[in-house]
Amino acid sequence: MDITYFKSVIGIIAVILTFSGYIPYIRDILNGKTKPHMYSWFLWMFVGSLAFSLQFSDGGGAGSFVTLAATIMCAVVFLLSFFRKSSNDITKSDTLFFGLTIAAVVVWLFAKQPLFSMVLTTGIDLLCFVPTIRKSWHKPETETASFYLINSFRFFLAAVALQRYTIITALYPVVWMVANGLFVVMLELRKKYQVELRKQSVRLR
């Protein structure tokens, strides 16, 4: 099988998985179970478009379209969180990270080196994750763990589907494959911890 054709097929599968993977997450938002942090999703929508541009311009090919698909869905989640006011626990620290992210984007606009731009873009995207991590540490039940597990897998597929491997094309999907996987571990550990706390509370009564 031609390697380009193989990578294109993997890229298409990853794009389909991206769109389909958001279905249960959006369902949980509409049902009031999941409460996405508005700051994170707005910034992921914005920064994701920058990452896609860098990947595509450096020959990322089919793999880069996974980033574009994710960016589109980030816009959907942001709009849902905005209109449903699903994130009402915004703290000063969240606003601080939001400001730092915007400042980093301004630096990115003046960056002339594509490699530096991708490293900065990926770092900015991780900063966007901080409000969601903070919220989920205290309220793990407000996130859908399976969604982030699927995210980790589809970023793996995105990395496989890249037509050209460079730091510019591969950094973003690899970092987010790991970040999503670690986030799932954190959610599950925090959920178990809170279950144990409830059991201890019942015993003390």
N, C-alpha and C. Protein backbone atom coordinates (compact mmCIF):
# COMPACT_ATOMS: atom_id res chain seq x y z
N MET A 1 0.85 -1.20 0.00
CA MET A 1 0.00 0.00 0.00
C MET A 1 0.89 1.25 0.00
N ASP A 2 0.54 2.21 -0.83
CA ASP A 2 1.28 3.45 -0.89
C ASP A 2 1.20 4.18 0.46
N ILE A 3 2.35 4.62 0.97
CA ILE A 3 2.40 5.22 2.30
C ILE A 3 1.58 6.51 2.37
N THR A 4 1.55 7.29 1.28
CA THR A 4 0.77 8.53 1.28
C THR A 4 -0.71 8.22 1.38
N TYR A 5 -1.15 7.18 0.64
CA TYR A 5 -2.55 6.77 0.70
C TYR A 5 -2.90 6.28 2.11
N PHE A 6 -1.99 5.49 2.69
CA PHE A 6 -2.21 4.96 4.05
C PHE A 6 -2.38 6.10 5.05
N LYS A 7 -1.50 7.09 4.97
CA LYS A 7 -1.57 8.21 5.89
C LYS A 7 -2.84 9.04 5.68
N SER A 8 -3.27 9.14 4.43
CA SER A 8 -4.50 9.87 4.14
C SER A 8 -5.71 9.17 4.77
N VAL A 9 -5.71 7.83 4.68
CA VAL A 9 -6.80 7.05 5.28
C VAL A 9 -6.81 7.22 6.79
N ILE A 10 -5.62 7.13 7.41
CA ILE A 10 -5.52 7.32 8.85
C ILE A 10 -5.99 8.72 9.24
N GLY A 11 -5.61 9.72 8.43
CA GLY A 11 -6.03 11.09 8.69
C GLY A 11 -7.54 11.25 8.64
N ILE A 12 -8.17 10.61 7.66
CA ILE A 12 -9.64 10.68 7.53
C ILE A 12 -10.30 10.01 8.73
N ILE A 13 -9.76 8.86 9.15
CA ILE A 13 -10.30 8.16 10.32
C ILE A 13 -10.19 9.05 11.56
N ALA A 14 -9.04 9.72 11.70
CA ALA A 14 -8.82 10.59 12.86
C ALA A 14 -9.78 11.78 12.86
N VAL A 15 -10.03 12.34 11.67
CA VAL A 15 -10.98 13.46 11.56
C VAL A 15 -12.39 13.01 11.94
N ILE A 16 -12.79 11.84 11.42
CA ILE A 16 -14.11 11.29 11.75
C ILE A 16 -14.21 11.03 13.25
N LEU A 17 -13.14 10.49 13.82
CA LEU A 17 -13.11 10.21 15.25
C LEU A 17 -13.19 11.50 16.06
N THR A 18 -12.59 12.55 15.54
CA THR A 18 -12.64 13.85 16.22
C THR A 18 -14.08 14.35 16.32
N PHE A 19 -14.77 14.35 15.17
CA PHE A 19 -16.15 14.84 15.17
C PHE A 19 -17.07 13.93 15.99
N SER A 20 -16.95 12.61 15.80
CA SER A 20 -17.81 11.67 16.52
C SER A 20 -17.50 11.64 18.02
N GLY A 21 -16.21 11.87 18.36
CA GLY A 21 -15.83 11.85 19.76
C GLY A 21 -16.43 12.97 20.56
N TYR A 22 -16.79 14.05 19.90
CA TYR A 22 -17.40 15.19 20.59
C TYR A 22 -18.89 14.98 20.87
N ILE A 23 -19.52 14.01 20.21
CA ILE A 23 -20.96 13.81 20.36
C ILE A 23 -21.35 13.54 21.81
N PRO A 24 -20.72 12.55 22.50
CA PRO A 24 -21.11 12.34 23.91
C PRO A 24 -20.76 13.51 24.81
N TYR A 25 -19.68 14.22 24.47
CA TYR A 25 -19.28 15.38 25.28
C TYR A 25 -20.32 16.49 25.16
N ILE A 26 -20.76 16.77 23.94
CA ILE A 26 -21.78 17.79 23.72
C ILE A 26 -23.11 17.36 24.35
N ARG A 27 -23.41 16.07 24.27
CA ARG A 27 -24.63 15.55 24.91
C ARG A 27 -24.58 15.79 26.41
N ASP A 28 -23.43 15.53 27.02
CA ASP A 28 -23.30 15.74 28.47
C ASP A 28 -23.41 17.22 28.84
N ILE A 29 -22.93 18.10 27.95
CA ILE A 29 -23.08 19.55 28.19
C ILE A 29 -24.55 19.93 28.17
N LEU A 30 -25.26 19.45 27.16
CA LEU A 30 -26.69 19.77 27.01
C LEU A 30 -27.52 19.21 28.16
N ASN A 31 -27.06 18.07 28.71
CA ASN A 31 -27.77 17.46 29.85
C ASN A 31 -27.35 18.06 31.19
N GLY A 32 -26.38 18.98 31.15
CA GLY A 32 -25.95 19.62 32.39
C GLY A 32 -24.97 18.81 33.21
N LYS A 33 -24.51 17.68 32.68
CA LYS A 33 -23.57 16.82 33.42
C LYS A 33 -22.15 17.38 33.33
N THR A 34 -21.75 17.77 32.13
CA THR A 34 -20.41 18.30 31.90
C THR A 34 -20.47 19.82 31.82
N LYS A 35 -19.53 20.47 32.50
CA LYS A 35 -19.51 21.94 32.52
C LYS A 35 -18.13 22.42 32.07
N PRO A 36 -17.94 22.60 30.77
CA PRO A 36 -16.63 23.02 30.25
C PRO A 36 -16.26 24.42 30.70
N HIS A 37 -14.96 24.62 30.90
CA HIS A 37 -14.50 25.95 31.31
C HIS A 37 -14.39 26.84 30.07
N MET A 38 -15.13 27.92 30.07
CA MET A 38 -15.26 28.79 28.91
C MET A 38 -13.91 29.35 28.45
N TYR A 39 -13.04 29.72 29.39
CA TYR A 39 -11.75 30.28 29.03
C TYR A 39 -10.93 29.29 28.21
N SER A 40 -10.86 28.05 28.70
CA SER A 40 -10.05 27.04 28.01
C SER A 40 -10.52 26.83 26.59
N TRP A 41 -11.82 26.69 26.41
CA TRP A 41 -12.33 26.35 25.08
C TRP A 41 -12.23 27.50 24.10
N PHE A 42 -12.38 28.73 24.58
CA PHE A 42 -12.18 29.88 23.70
C PHE A 42 -10.73 29.93 23.20
N LEU A 43 -9.81 29.73 24.13
CA LEU A 43 -8.39 29.80 23.76
C LEU A 43 -7.98 28.62 22.89
N TRP A 44 -8.52 27.42 23.15
CA TRP A 44 -8.22 26.27 22.30
C TRP A 44 -8.72 26.50 20.88
N MET A 45 -9.88 27.12 20.76
CA MET A 45 -10.43 27.44 19.44
C MET A 45 -9.48 28.38 18.69
N PHE A 46 -9.01 29.40 19.39
CA PHE A 46 -8.16 30.42 18.77
C PHE A 46 -6.77 29.89 18.45
N VAL A 47 -6.14 29.26 19.45
CA VAL A 47 -4.77 28.78 19.28
C VAL A 47 -4.73 27.58 18.33
N GLY A 48 -5.79 26.77 18.34
CA GLY A 48 -5.84 25.62 17.43
C GLY A 48 -5.75 26.03 15.98
N SER A 49 -6.36 27.16 15.65
CA SER A 49 -6.29 27.65 14.26
C SER A 49 -4.86 28.05 13.89
N LEU A 50 -4.13 28.58 14.88
CA LEU A 50 -2.72 28.93 14.64
C LEU A 50 -1.89 27.67 14.43
N ALA A 51 -2.12 26.67 15.26
CA ALA A 51 -1.37 25.42 15.16
C ALA A 51 -1.62 24.74 13.81
N PHE A 52 -2.89 24.75 13.37
CA PHE A 52 -3.21 24.16 12.07
C PHE A 52 -2.46 24.87 10.94
N SER A 53 -2.42 26.18 10.99
CA SER A 53 -1.74 26.95 9.95
C SER A 53 -0.26 26.59 9.87
N LEU A 54 0.38 26.45 11.05
CA LEU A 54 1.80 26.10 11.08
C LEU A 54 2.04 24.68 10.57
N GLN A 55 1.20 23.74 11.01
CA GLN A 55 1.34 22.35 10.57
C GLN A 55 1.16 22.24 9.05
N PHE A 56 0.09 22.84 8.55
CA PHE A 56 -0.24 22.72 7.14
C PHE A 56 0.83 23.37 6.26
N SER A 57 1.33 24.53 6.68
CA SER A 57 2.34 25.22 5.89
C SER A 57 3.67 24.49 5.88
N ASP A 58 3.90 23.60 6.89
CA ASP A 58 5.15 22.85 6.94
C ASP A 58 4.99 21.45 6.37
N GLY A 59 3.90 21.22 5.64
CA GLY A 59 3.73 19.93 4.96
C GLY A 59 3.11 18.84 5.79
N GLY A 60 2.33 19.20 6.82
CA GLY A 60 1.70 18.20 7.68
C GLY A 60 0.69 17.33 6.96
N GLY A 61 0.09 17.84 5.90
CA GLY A 61 -0.86 17.07 5.11
C GLY A 61 -2.09 16.64 5.88
N ALA A 62 -2.48 15.35 5.67
CA ALA A 62 -3.72 14.84 6.25
C ALA A 62 -3.75 14.95 7.77
N GLY A 63 -2.60 14.77 8.42
CA GLY A 63 -2.56 14.84 9.87
C GLY A 63 -2.92 16.20 10.42
N SER A 64 -2.62 17.24 9.66
CA SER A 64 -2.91 18.59 10.14
C SER A 64 -4.41 18.89 10.15
N PHE A 65 -5.18 18.18 9.33
CA PHE A 65 -6.61 18.43 9.27
C PHE A 65 -7.33 17.94 10.53
N VAL A 66 -6.67 17.07 11.29
CA VAL A 66 -7.22 16.66 12.58
C VAL A 66 -7.24 17.87 13.52
N THR A 67 -6.19 18.66 13.47
CA THR A 67 -6.13 19.89 14.28
C THR A 67 -7.23 20.85 13.87
N LEU A 68 -7.48 20.96 12.56
CA LEU A 68 -8.55 21.84 12.07
C LEU A 68 -9.91 21.35 12.56
N ALA A 69 -10.15 20.04 12.48
CA ALA A 69 -11.42 19.48 12.94
C ALA A 69 -11.62 19.75 14.42
N ALA A 70 -10.55 19.58 15.20
CA ALA A 70 -10.64 19.84 16.64
C ALA A 70 -10.93 21.30 16.92
N THR A 71 -10.34 22.19 16.12
CA THR A 71 -10.56 23.62 16.30
C THR A 71 -12.03 23.98 16.06
N ILE A 72 -12.61 23.38 15.05
CA ILE A 72 -14.03 23.63 14.74
C ILE A 72 -14.90 23.19 15.92
N MET A 73 -14.60 22.01 16.47
CA MET A 73 -15.41 21.50 17.57
C MET A 73 -15.17 22.29 18.86
N CYS A 74 -13.96 22.82 19.03
CA CYS A 74 -13.69 23.69 20.18
C CYS A 74 -14.60 24.93 20.12
N ALA A 75 -14.82 25.43 18.91
CA ALA A 75 -15.71 26.58 18.73
C ALA A 75 -17.13 26.23 19.14
N VAL A 76 -17.56 25.02 18.80
CA VAL A 76 -18.91 24.57 19.16
C VAL A 76 -19.06 24.49 20.68
N VAL A 77 -18.06 23.87 21.34
CA VAL A 77 -18.11 23.72 22.80
C VAL A 77 -18.06 25.09 23.48
N PHE A 78 -17.23 25.98 22.97
CA PHE A 78 -17.16 27.32 23.55
C PHE A 78 -18.51 28.02 23.47
N LEU A 79 -19.15 27.96 22.32
CA LEU A 79 -20.45 28.62 22.16
C LEU A 79 -21.49 28.03 23.10
N LEU A 80 -21.46 26.70 23.26
CA LEU A 80 -22.40 26.05 24.18
C LEU A 80 -22.14 26.50 25.62
N SER A 81 -20.86 26.53 26.01
CA SER A 81 -20.53 26.93 27.37
C SER A 81 -20.89 28.40 27.62
N PHE A 82 -20.75 29.22 26.59
CA PHE A 82 -21.06 30.64 26.72
C PHE A 82 -22.56 30.88 26.88
N PHE A 83 -23.35 30.28 25.99
CA PHE A 83 -24.78 30.54 26.01
C PHE A 83 -25.51 29.81 27.15
N ARG A 84 -24.94 28.68 27.59
CA ARG A 84 -25.57 27.94 28.70
C ARG A 84 -24.99 28.34 30.05
N LYS A 85 -24.00 29.25 30.01
CA LYS A 85 -23.35 29.70 31.26
C LYS A 85 -22.95 28.51 32.12
N SER A 86 -22.30 27.52 31.47
CA SER A 86 -21.96 26.28 32.17
C SER A 86 -20.72 26.40 33.03
N SER A 87 -19.99 27.52 32.92
CA SER A 87 -18.78 27.67 33.73
C SER A 87 -18.87 28.95 34.55
N ASN A 88 -19.46 28.82 35.73
CA ASN A 88 -19.67 29.99 36.57
C ASN A 88 -18.64 30.11 37.69
N ASP A 89 -17.65 29.19 37.72
CA ASP A 89 -16.68 29.20 38.81
C ASP A 89 -15.33 29.74 38.35
N ILE A 90 -15.35 30.78 37.53
CA ILE A 90 -14.11 31.39 37.05
C ILE A 90 -13.44 32.13 38.21
N THR A 91 -12.17 31.81 38.45
CA THR A 91 -11.44 32.41 39.55
C THR A 91 -10.44 33.44 39.04
N LYS A 92 -9.81 34.14 39.98
CA LYS A 92 -8.79 35.12 39.60
C LYS A 92 -7.60 34.45 38.93
N SER A 93 -7.27 33.25 39.41
CA SER A 93 -6.14 32.53 38.79
C SER A 93 -6.46 32.15 37.35
N ASP A 94 -7.73 31.79 37.09
CA ASP A 94 -8.14 31.48 35.71
C ASP A 94 -7.96 32.71 34.83
N THR A 95 -8.39 33.86 35.34
CA THR A 95 -8.26 35.11 34.58
C THR A 95 -6.79 35.46 34.36
N LEU A 96 -5.95 35.16 35.35
CA LEU A 96 -4.51 35.40 35.22
C LEU A 96 -3.93 34.57 34.08
N PHE A 97 -4.28 33.27 34.05
CA PHE A 97 -3.78 32.41 32.98
C PHE A 97 -4.35 32.82 31.62
N PHE A 98 -5.58 33.31 31.63
CA PHE A 98 -6.18 33.80 30.39
C PHE A 98 -5.36 34.98 29.87
N GLY A 99 -5.01 35.90 30.77
CA GLY A 99 -4.21 37.06 30.39
C GLY A 99 -2.82 36.65 29.91
N LEU A 100 -2.18 35.69 30.60
CA LEU A 100 -0.86 35.21 30.19
C LEU A 100 -0.92 34.59 28.80
N THR A 101 -2.00 33.87 28.53
CA THR A 101 -2.15 33.23 27.23
C THR A 101 -2.28 34.27 26.12
N ILE A 102 -3.10 35.28 26.36
CA ILE A 102 -3.27 36.36 25.38
C ILE A 102 -1.93 37.06 25.15
N ALA A 103 -1.17 37.30 26.23
CA ALA A 103 0.14 37.93 26.10
C ALA A 103 1.08 37.07 25.25
N ALA A 104 1.02 35.76 25.48
CA ALA A 104 1.86 34.83 24.71
C ALA A 104 1.48 34.84 23.23
N VAL A 105 0.18 35.00 22.95
CA VAL A 105 -0.28 35.08 21.56
C VAL A 105 0.29 36.33 20.89
N VAL A 106 0.34 37.43 21.63
CA VAL A 106 0.92 38.67 21.10
C VAL A 106 2.39 38.45 20.73
N VAL A 107 3.12 37.73 21.61
CA VAL A 107 4.52 37.40 21.31
C VAL A 107 4.60 36.54 20.06
N TRP A 108 3.67 35.59 19.94
CA TRP A 108 3.64 34.70 18.78
C TRP A 108 3.49 35.50 17.49
N LEU A 109 2.68 36.53 17.52
CA LEU A 109 2.43 37.33 16.32
C LEU A 109 3.70 37.98 15.78
N PHE A 110 4.65 38.23 16.69
CA PHE A 110 5.90 38.86 16.27
C PHE A 110 7.02 37.84 16.02
N ALA A 111 6.73 36.58 16.26
CA ALA A 111 7.74 35.54 16.05
C ALA A 111 7.88 35.26 14.55
N LYS A 112 9.11 35.27 14.07
CA LYS A 112 9.35 35.06 12.65
C LYS A 112 9.83 33.64 12.34
N GLN A 113 10.22 32.88 13.38
CA GLN A 113 10.72 31.53 13.19
C GLN A 113 9.59 30.52 13.35
N PRO A 114 9.29 29.71 12.33
CA PRO A 114 8.20 28.72 12.43
C PRO A 114 8.37 27.74 13.60
N LEU A 115 9.61 27.29 13.85
CA LEU A 115 9.84 26.34 14.95
C LEU A 115 9.51 26.99 16.28
N PHE A 116 10.02 28.19 16.51
CA PHE A 116 9.72 28.91 17.75
C PHE A 116 8.22 29.15 17.87
N SER A 117 7.59 29.46 16.74
CA SER A 117 6.15 29.72 16.74
C SER A 117 5.38 28.48 17.18
N MET A 118 5.78 27.29 16.69
CA MET A 118 5.06 26.07 17.05
C MET A 118 5.29 25.71 18.52
N VAL A 119 6.52 25.87 19.00
CA VAL A 119 6.80 25.61 20.41
C VAL A 119 5.97 26.55 21.28
N LEU A 120 5.93 27.81 20.90
CA LEU A 120 5.16 28.80 21.65
C LEU A 120 3.67 28.50 21.58
N THR A 121 3.20 28.13 20.39
CA THR A 121 1.78 27.82 20.21
C THR A 121 1.36 26.63 21.07
N THR A 122 2.19 25.59 21.09
CA THR A 122 1.89 24.41 21.90
C THR A 122 1.91 24.76 23.38
N GLY A 123 2.89 25.58 23.78
CA GLY A 123 2.95 26.02 25.17
C GLY A 123 1.74 26.84 25.56
N ILE A 124 1.30 27.71 24.65
CA ILE A 124 0.10 28.53 24.89
C ILE A 124 -1.11 27.62 25.08
N ASP A 125 -1.21 26.60 24.23
CA ASP A 125 -2.35 25.69 24.31
C ASP A 125 -2.37 24.95 25.65
N LEU A 126 -1.20 24.60 26.16
CA LEU A 126 -1.13 23.95 27.47
C LEU A 126 -1.56 24.91 28.57
N LEU A 127 -1.19 26.19 28.43
CA LEU A 127 -1.65 27.19 29.39
C LEU A 127 -3.18 27.25 29.42
N CYS A 128 -3.77 27.09 28.24
CA CYS A 128 -5.24 27.12 28.13
C CYS A 128 -5.87 26.00 28.97
N PHE A 129 -5.11 24.92 29.17
CA PHE A 129 -5.62 23.76 29.89
C PHE A 129 -5.71 24.02 31.39
N VAL A 130 -4.93 24.97 31.89
CA VAL A 130 -4.82 25.18 33.34
C VAL A 130 -6.18 25.45 34.01
N PRO A 131 -7.03 26.36 33.47
CA PRO A 131 -8.34 26.57 34.12
C PRO A 131 -9.19 25.30 34.19
N THR A 132 -9.15 24.49 33.13
CA THR A 132 -9.91 23.24 33.13
C THR A 132 -9.35 22.25 34.15
N ILE A 133 -8.02 22.17 34.25
CA ILE A 133 -7.40 21.28 35.23
C ILE A 133 -7.76 21.73 36.65
N ARG A 134 -7.68 23.04 36.90
CA ARG A 134 -8.01 23.57 38.23
C ARG A 134 -9.45 23.24 38.61
N LYS A 135 -10.37 23.47 37.66
CA LYS A 135 -11.78 23.20 37.91
C LYS A 135 -12.03 21.71 38.13
N SER A 136 -11.40 20.87 37.31
CA SER A 136 -11.62 19.43 37.37
C SER A 136 -10.97 18.78 38.58
N TRP A 137 -9.90 19.40 39.10
CA TRP A 137 -9.27 18.88 40.31
C TRP A 137 -10.27 18.92 41.48
N HIS A 138 -11.02 20.00 41.55
CA HIS A 138 -12.00 20.16 42.62
C HIS A 138 -13.35 19.51 42.28
N LYS A 139 -13.70 19.49 40.99
CA LYS A 139 -14.99 18.93 40.56
C LYS A 139 -14.79 17.98 39.38
N PRO A 140 -14.18 16.81 39.60
CA PRO A 140 -13.91 15.88 38.49
C PRO A 140 -15.16 15.36 37.81
N GLU A 141 -16.29 15.42 38.52
CA GLU A 141 -17.54 14.94 37.94
C GLU A 141 -18.06 15.86 36.86
N THR A 142 -17.47 17.07 36.71
CA THR A 142 -17.95 18.02 35.69
C THR A 142 -17.26 17.82 34.35
N GLU A 143 -16.45 16.76 34.22
CA GLU A 143 -15.82 16.46 32.93
C GLU A 143 -16.10 15.01 32.52
N THR A 144 -16.05 14.76 31.23
CA THR A 144 -16.29 13.43 30.67
C THR A 144 -14.96 12.78 30.33
N ALA A 145 -14.51 11.85 31.16
CA ALA A 145 -13.19 11.25 31.00
C ALA A 145 -13.03 10.52 29.67
N SER A 146 -14.08 9.84 29.22
CA SER A 146 -13.99 9.08 27.97
C SER A 146 -13.68 9.98 26.78
N PHE A 147 -14.16 11.22 26.83
CA PHE A 147 -13.90 12.17 25.76
C PHE A 147 -12.40 12.44 25.63
N TYR A 148 -11.74 12.65 26.74
CA TYR A 148 -10.31 12.95 26.72
C TYR A 148 -9.49 11.72 26.36
N LEU A 149 -10.01 10.54 26.70
CA LEU A 149 -9.34 9.30 26.31
C LEU A 149 -9.38 9.15 24.79
N ILE A 150 -10.53 9.43 24.19
CA ILE A 150 -10.66 9.40 22.73
C ILE A 150 -9.76 10.45 22.11
N ASN A 151 -9.68 11.62 22.75
CA ASN A 151 -8.80 12.68 22.27
C ASN A 151 -7.35 12.20 22.19
N SER A 152 -6.91 11.51 23.22
CA SER A 152 -5.54 11.02 23.26
C SER A 152 -5.28 10.08 22.08
N PHE A 153 -6.25 9.21 21.81
CA PHE A 153 -6.11 8.25 20.71
C PHE A 153 -6.12 8.94 19.36
N ARG A 154 -6.98 9.91 19.18
CA ARG A 154 -7.06 10.55 17.87
C ARG A 154 -5.85 11.46 17.62
N PHE A 155 -5.23 11.98 18.68
CA PHE A 155 -3.99 12.71 18.48
C PHE A 155 -2.86 11.76 18.09
N PHE A 156 -2.93 10.53 18.61
CA PHE A 156 -1.97 9.50 18.18
C PHE A 156 -2.14 9.23 16.68
N LEU A 157 -3.39 9.09 16.25
CA LEU A 157 -3.66 8.86 14.82
C LEU A 157 -3.22 10.07 14.00
N ALA A 158 -3.42 11.26 14.53
CA ALA A 158 -3.00 12.47 13.83
C ALA A 158 -1.50 12.46 13.60
N ALA A 159 -0.74 12.02 14.60
CA ALA A 159 0.72 11.95 14.48
C ALA A 159 1.12 10.92 13.42
N VAL A 160 0.42 9.78 13.42
CA VAL A 160 0.70 8.73 12.43
C VAL A 160 0.40 9.23 11.02
N ALA A 161 -0.65 10.05 10.88
CA ALA A 161 -1.11 10.49 9.56
C ALA A 161 -0.29 11.62 8.96
N LEU A 162 0.63 12.19 9.71
CA LEU A 162 1.43 13.30 9.19
C LEU A 162 2.22 12.89 7.95
N GLN A 163 2.18 13.70 6.93
CA GLN A 163 2.89 13.40 5.69
C GLN A 163 4.39 13.67 5.83
N ARG A 164 4.73 14.57 6.74
CA ARG A 164 6.14 14.94 6.92
C ARG A 164 6.40 15.14 8.40
N TYR A 165 7.44 14.48 8.92
CA TYR A 165 7.74 14.55 10.34
C TYR A 165 8.83 15.56 10.63
N THR A 166 8.44 16.63 11.29
CA THR A 166 9.37 17.62 11.80
C THR A 166 8.87 18.01 13.19
N ILE A 167 9.65 18.76 13.92
CA ILE A 167 9.17 19.23 15.22
C ILE A 167 7.93 20.09 15.04
N ILE A 168 7.91 20.85 13.95
CA ILE A 168 6.78 21.75 13.69
C ILE A 168 5.50 20.98 13.47
N THR A 169 5.56 19.87 12.74
CA THR A 169 4.34 19.12 12.45
C THR A 169 3.96 18.16 13.57
N ALA A 170 4.96 17.59 14.27
CA ALA A 170 4.68 16.51 15.22
C ALA A 170 4.50 16.97 16.67
N LEU A 171 5.08 18.11 17.03
CA LEU A 171 5.05 18.53 18.44
C LEU A 171 3.64 18.63 19.00
N TYR A 172 2.76 19.30 18.27
CA TYR A 172 1.41 19.56 18.76
C TYR A 172 0.63 18.27 19.04
N PRO A 173 0.51 17.33 18.07
CA PRO A 173 -0.27 16.12 18.37
C PRO A 173 0.36 15.24 19.45
N VAL A 174 1.70 15.16 19.49
CA VAL A 174 2.36 14.31 20.48
C VAL A 174 2.14 14.86 21.89
N VAL A 175 2.32 16.17 22.05
CA VAL A 175 2.13 16.79 23.37
C VAL A 175 0.69 16.61 23.85
N TRP A 176 -0.27 16.78 22.93
CA TRP A 176 -1.66 16.66 23.35
C TRP A 176 -2.12 15.23 23.54
N MET A 177 -1.48 14.29 22.86
CA MET A 177 -1.73 12.88 23.13
C MET A 177 -1.38 12.55 24.58
N VAL A 178 -0.22 13.03 25.02
CA VAL A 178 0.23 12.80 26.39
C VAL A 178 -0.62 13.58 27.40
N ALA A 179 -0.89 14.86 27.10
CA ALA A 179 -1.63 15.71 28.03
C ALA A 179 -3.04 15.17 28.28
N ASN A 180 -3.72 14.74 27.22
CA ASN A 180 -5.07 14.19 27.39
C ASN A 180 -5.05 12.90 28.20
N GLY A 181 -4.03 12.06 27.95
CA GLY A 181 -3.92 10.81 28.70
C GLY A 181 -3.70 11.07 30.18
N LEU A 182 -2.82 12.01 30.51
CA LEU A 182 -2.56 12.34 31.91
C LEU A 182 -3.78 12.96 32.58
N PHE A 183 -4.54 13.74 31.81
CA PHE A 183 -5.75 14.36 32.35
C PHE A 183 -6.78 13.29 32.72
N VAL A 184 -6.90 12.27 31.91
CA VAL A 184 -7.82 11.16 32.21
C VAL A 184 -7.41 10.47 33.51
N VAL A 185 -6.12 10.23 33.66
CA VAL A 185 -5.61 9.61 34.89
C VAL A 185 -5.96 10.46 36.11
N MET A 186 -5.76 11.79 35.98
CA MET A 186 -6.07 12.69 37.07
C MET A 186 -7.56 12.66 37.42
N LEU A 187 -8.42 12.69 36.40
CA LEU A 187 -9.86 12.66 36.64
C LEU A 187 -10.27 11.40 37.40
N GLU A 188 -9.76 10.26 36.97
CA GLU A 188 -10.14 9.00 37.59
C GLU A 188 -9.64 8.92 39.03
N LEU A 189 -8.42 9.39 39.27
CA LEU A 189 -7.88 9.37 40.63
C LEU A 189 -8.67 10.30 41.55
N ARG A 190 -9.02 11.48 41.05
CA ARG A 190 -9.78 12.43 41.86
C ARG A 190 -11.20 11.92 42.14
N LYS A 191 -11.80 11.25 41.16
CA LYS A 191 -13.14 10.68 41.36
C LYS A 191 -13.10 9.61 42.45
N LYS A 192 -12.08 8.75 42.39
CA LYS A 192 -11.94 7.70 43.40
C LYS A 192 -11.70 8.30 44.78
N TYR A 193 -10.89 9.35 44.81
CA TYR A 193 -10.60 10.02 46.08
C TYR A 193 -11.86 10.60 46.69
N GLN A 194 -12.71 11.22 45.87
CA GLN A 194 -13.93 11.82 46.38
C GLN A 194 -14.93 10.76 46.83
N VAL A 195 -14.94 9.61 46.14
CA VAL A 195 -15.80 8.50 46.56
C VAL A 195 -15.38 8.01 47.94
N GLU A 196 -14.07 7.90 48.15
CA GLU A 196 -13.56 7.46 49.45
C GLU A 196 -13.91 8.46 50.54
N LEU A 197 -13.83 9.75 50.22
CA LEU A 197 -14.20 10.78 51.20
C LEU A 197 -15.66 10.65 51.60
N ARG A 198 -16.52 10.39 50.61
CA ARG A 198 -17.94 10.24 50.91
C ARG A 198 -18.19 9.03 51.79
N LYS A 199 -17.47 7.93 51.51
CA LYS A 199 -17.62 6.72 52.31
C LYS A 199 -17.19 6.96 53.75
N GLN A 200 -16.08 7.68 53.91
CA GLN A 200 -15.60 7.99 55.26
C GLN A 200 -16.58 8.89 55.99
N SER A 201 -17.18 9.82 55.24
CA SER A 201 -18.16 10.73 55.85
C SER A 201 -19.37 9.96 56.35
N VAL A 202 -19.80 8.97 55.55
CA VAL A 202 -20.94 8.14 55.94
C VAL A 202 -20.62 7.34 57.20
N ARG A 203 -19.39 6.79 57.25
CA ARG A 203 -18.99 5.99 58.42
C ARG A 203 -18.97 6.83 59.71
N LEU A 204 -18.51 8.07 59.57
CA LEU A 204 -18.42 8.95 60.74
C LEU A 204 -19.79 9.32 61.29
N ARG A 205 -20.78 9.29 60.43
CA ARG A 205 -22.13 9.58 60.90
C ARG A 205 -22.68 8.45 61.76
